[in-house]
Amino acid sequence: MTGHAIVLLAHGSRDPLWRRPIEAVRERIAQQHPGAVVCCAYLELCPPSLPDTLAALAGQGSCSVRIVPMFLGAGRHVREDLPCMVAHLAEQHGTLALHLQAPIGEDERLIALMASIASDDIA
């Protein structure tokens, strides 16, 4: 494997059922873009961690990774901890170009979709 990869980064939970939506997004991307390298990673409470995922991608020959924070809101983890973590990981993996995307919940398309779903039965 070479080239570009996407890491869907979520908070994490000890409950394995909690991961289903993130894994469903990964599966959807894989179906829509055959051959795309898409992984899930978690900040805490369950594997794989972001450092472990990036190490695996680097070992498999990826050169560029887009990290997509799968967070609706940008709390301290996303605003402060995550950029520092990614900067540190970029230093560790000098051959990987890491690109940290804005949290998915700040994307206008998702906001519009959530508003549409929430107001679906309003006449």
C-alpha atoms as a PDB file:
ATOM      1  CA  MET A   1       0.000   0.000   0.000  1.00  0.00           C
ATOM      2  CA  THR A   2       1.251   3.471  -0.818  1.00  0.00           C
ATOM      3  CA  GLY A   3      -0.224   6.895  -1.094  1.00  0.00           C
ATOM      4  CA  HIS A   4      -2.929   8.536   0.869  1.00  0.00           C
ATOM      5  CA  ALA A   5      -4.967   7.319   3.816  1.00  0.00           C
ATOM      6  CA  ILE A   6      -7.869   8.620   5.868  1.00  0.00           C
ATOM      7  CA  VAL A   7      -8.125   8.105   9.622  1.00  0.00           C
ATOM      8  CA  LEU A   8     -11.565   8.596  11.149  1.00  0.00           C
ATOM      9  CA  LEU A   9     -10.730   9.657  14.697  1.00  0.00           C
ATOM     10  CA  ALA A  10     -13.367   9.330  17.399  1.00  0.00           C
ATOM     11  CA  HIS A  11     -13.282   9.640  21.173  1.00  0.00           C
ATOM     12  CA  GLY A  12     -13.676   5.972  22.014  1.00  0.00           C
ATOM     13  CA  SER A  13     -15.758   3.924  24.428  1.00  0.00           C
ATOM     14  CA  ARG A  14     -15.462   0.663  26.306  1.00  0.00           C
ATOM     15  CA  ASP A  15     -18.795  -0.357  24.753  1.00  0.00           C
ATOM     16  CA  PRO A  16     -18.061  -2.047  21.412  1.00  0.00           C
ATOM     17  CA  LEU A  17     -21.516  -1.094  20.098  1.00  0.00           C
ATOM     18  CA  TRP A  18     -20.562   2.582  20.390  1.00  0.00           C
ATOM     19  CA  ARG A  19     -18.079   2.121  17.517  1.00  0.00           C
ATOM     20  CA  ARG A  20     -20.688   0.995  14.987  1.00  0.00           C
ATOM     21  CA  PRO A  21     -21.437   4.432  13.473  1.00  0.00           C
ATOM     22  CA  ILE A  22     -17.750   5.247  12.956  1.00  0.00           C
ATOM     23  CA  GLU A  23     -17.112   1.836  11.440  1.00  0.00           C
ATOM     24  CA  ALA A  24     -20.179   2.294   9.222  1.00  0.00           C
ATOM     25  CA  VAL A  25     -18.677   5.525   7.888  1.00  0.00           C
ATOM     26  CA  ARG A  26     -15.445   3.657   7.168  1.00  0.00           C
ATOM     27  CA  GLU A  27     -17.371   0.938   5.345  1.00  0.00           C
ATOM     28  CA  ARG A  28     -19.345   3.485   3.332  1.00  0.00           C
ATOM     29  CA  ILE A  29     -16.155   5.216   2.197  1.00  0.00           C
ATOM     30  CA  ALA A  30     -14.632   1.850   1.271  1.00  0.00           C
ATOM     31  CA  GLN A  31     -17.720   0.973  -0.792  1.00  0.00           C
ATOM     32  CA  GLN A  32     -17.827   4.343  -2.548  1.00  0.00           C
ATOM     33  CA  HIS A  33     -14.066   4.484  -3.139  1.00  0.00           C
ATOM     34  CA  PRO A  34     -12.709   0.975  -3.722  1.00  0.00           C
ATOM     35  CA  GLY A  35      -9.033   0.836  -2.935  1.00  0.00           C
ATOM     36  CA  ALA A  36      -9.177   3.781  -0.542  1.00  0.00           C
ATOM     37  CA  VAL A  37      -7.244   3.272   2.670  1.00  0.00           C
ATOM     38  CA  VAL A  38      -9.572   4.208   5.528  1.00  0.00           C
ATOM     39  CA  CYS A  39      -8.998   3.373   9.190  1.00  0.00           C
ATOM     40  CA  CYS A  40     -10.722   4.102  12.468  1.00  0.00           C
ATOM     41  CA  ALA A  41      -8.754   5.267  15.503  1.00  0.00           C
ATOM     42  CA  TYR A  42      -9.752   6.371  18.985  1.00  0.00           C
ATOM     43  CA  LEU A  43      -8.411   8.907  21.458  1.00  0.00           C
ATOM     44  CA  GLU A  44      -9.034   6.695  24.469  1.00  0.00           C
ATOM     45  CA  LEU A  45     -10.882   3.762  26.004  1.00  0.00           C
ATOM     46  CA  CYS A  46     -10.534   1.375  23.035  1.00  0.00           C
ATOM     47  CA  PRO A  47      -8.028   0.374  20.388  1.00  0.00           C
ATOM     48  CA  PRO A  48      -6.616   1.234  17.999  1.00  0.00           C
ATOM     49  CA  SER A  49      -5.100   4.498  19.163  1.00  0.00           C
ATOM     50  CA  LEU A  50      -4.077   7.241  16.751  1.00  0.00           C
ATOM     51  CA  PRO A  51      -0.340   6.610  17.384  1.00  0.00           C
ATOM     52  CA  ASP A  52      -0.776   2.878  16.693  1.00  0.00           C
ATOM     53  CA  THR A  53      -2.814   3.526  13.552  1.00  0.00           C
ATOM     54  CA  LEU A  54      -0.287   6.009  12.164  1.00  0.00           C
ATOM     55  CA  ALA A  55       2.599   3.645  12.923  1.00  0.00           C
ATOM     56  CA  ALA A  56       0.797   0.877  11.019  1.00  0.00           C
ATOM     57  CA  LEU A  57       0.084   3.170   8.060  1.00  0.00           C
ATOM     58  CA  ALA A  58       3.694   4.349   7.960  1.00  0.00           C
ATOM     59  CA  GLY A  59       4.865   0.748   8.069  1.00  0.00           C
ATOM     60  CA  GLN A  60       2.581  -0.097   5.160  1.00  0.00           C
ATOM     61  CA  GLY A  61       3.991   2.689   2.998  1.00  0.00           C
ATOM     62  CA  SER A  62       1.445   5.486   3.314  1.00  0.00           C
ATOM     63  CA  CYS A  63       2.923   8.917   2.650  1.00  0.00           C
ATOM     64  CA  SER A  64      -0.011  11.190   3.479  1.00  0.00           C
ATOM     65  CA  VAL A  65      -2.753  10.816   6.089  1.00  0.00           C
ATOM     66  CA  ARG A  66      -5.840  12.968   6.523  1.00  0.00           C
ATOM     67  CA  ILE A  67      -7.088  12.775  10.107  1.00  0.00           C
ATOM     68  CA  VAL A  68     -10.830  13.446  10.319  1.00  0.00           C
ATOM     69  CA  PRO A  69     -12.039  14.217  13.865  1.00  0.00           C
ATOM     70  CA  MET A  70     -15.474  12.590  14.079  1.00  0.00           C
ATOM     71  CA  PHE A  71     -16.675  15.010  16.756  1.00  0.00           C
ATOM     72  CA  LEU A  72     -19.856  17.087  16.673  1.00  0.00           C
ATOM     73  CA  GLY A  73     -18.386  19.693  19.010  1.00  0.00           C
ATOM     74  CA  ALA A  74     -14.835  20.862  19.494  1.00  0.00           C
ATOM     75  CA  GLY A  75     -14.106  20.527  23.195  1.00  0.00           C
ATOM     76  CA  ARG A  76     -10.708  20.634  24.853  1.00  0.00           C
ATOM     77  CA  HIS A  77      -9.661  17.283  23.375  1.00  0.00           C
ATOM     78  CA  VAL A  78     -10.204  18.550  19.846  1.00  0.00           C
ATOM     79  CA  ARG A  79      -9.119  22.184  20.272  1.00  0.00           C
ATOM     80  CA  GLU A  80      -6.005  21.626  22.380  1.00  0.00           C
ATOM     81  CA  ASP A  81      -4.982  17.998  22.868  1.00  0.00           C
ATOM     82  CA  LEU A  82      -5.429  16.760  19.323  1.00  0.00           C
ATOM     83  CA  PRO A  83      -3.343  19.397  17.479  1.00  0.00           C
ATOM     84  CA  CYS A  84      -0.504  18.867  19.981  1.00  0.00           C
ATOM     85  CA  MET A  85      -0.752  15.099  19.587  1.00  0.00           C
ATOM     86  CA  VAL A  86      -0.708  15.337  15.791  1.00  0.00           C
ATOM     87  CA  ALA A  87       2.290  17.705  15.852  1.00  0.00           C
ATOM     88  CA  HIS A  88       4.171  15.250  18.079  1.00  0.00           C
ATOM     89  CA  LEU A  89       3.220  12.312  15.849  1.00  0.00           C
ATOM     90  CA  ALA A  90       4.342  14.245  12.758  1.00  0.00           C
ATOM     91  CA  GLU A  91       7.768  14.603  14.357  1.00  0.00           C
ATOM     92  CA  GLN A  92       7.877  10.878  15.111  1.00  0.00           C
ATOM     93  CA  HIS A  93       6.829   9.895  11.588  1.00  0.00           C
ATOM     94  CA  GLY A  94       8.849  12.266   9.443  1.00  0.00           C
ATOM     95  CA  THR A  95       7.912  10.368   6.273  1.00  0.00           C
ATOM     96  CA  LEU A  96       4.171  10.836   6.865  1.00  0.00           C
ATOM     97  CA  ALA A  97       2.500  14.091   5.909  1.00  0.00           C
ATOM     98  CA  LEU A  98      -0.287  14.499   8.476  1.00  0.00           C
ATOM     99  CA  HIS A  99      -3.263  16.730   7.712  1.00  0.00           C
ATOM    100  CA  LEU A 100      -5.665  17.428  10.587  1.00  0.00           C
ATOM    101  CA  GLN A 101      -9.104  18.308   9.280  1.00  0.00           C
ATOM    102  CA  ALA A 102     -11.592  20.459  11.195  1.00  0.00           C
ATOM    103  CA  PRO A 103     -14.065  18.478  13.340  1.00  0.00           C
ATOM    104  CA  ILE A 104     -16.808  16.999  11.199  1.00  0.00           C
ATOM    105  CA  GLY A 105     -19.471  18.723  13.315  1.00  0.00           C
ATOM    106  CA  GLU A 106     -18.238  22.113  12.093  1.00  0.00           C
ATOM    107  CA  ASP A 107     -18.884  21.223   8.447  1.00  0.00           C
ATOM    108  CA  GLU A 108     -21.887  23.127   7.096  1.00  0.00           C
ATOM    109  CA  ARG A 109     -23.053  20.031   5.173  1.00  0.00           C
ATOM    110  CA  LEU A 110     -23.372  18.012   8.372  1.00  0.00           C
ATOM    111  CA  ILE A 111     -25.088  20.872  10.175  1.00  0.00           C
ATOM    112  CA  ALA A 112     -27.623  21.095   7.341  1.00  0.00           C
ATOM    113  CA  LEU A 113     -28.171  17.333   7.372  1.00  0.00           C
ATOM    114  CA  MET A 114     -28.727  17.249  11.139  1.00  0.00           C
ATOM    115  CA  ALA A 115     -31.167  20.159  10.900  1.00  0.00           C
ATOM    116  CA  SER A 116     -33.040  18.345   8.139  1.00  0.00           C
ATOM    117  CA  ILE A 117     -33.241  15.122  10.146  1.00  0.00           C
ATOM    118  CA  ALA A 118     -34.306  16.943  13.327  1.00  0.00           C
ATOM    119  CA  SER A 119     -37.070  18.878  11.555  1.00  0.00           C
ATOM    120  CA  ASP A 120     -38.254  16.052   9.336  1.00  0.00           C
ATOM    121  CA  ASP A 121     -41.810  15.995  10.655  1.00  0.00           C
ATOM    122  CA  ILE A 122     -42.366  19.771  10.810  1.00  0.00           C
ATOM    123  CA  ALA A 123     -45.123  20.760   8.443  1.00  0.00           C
END
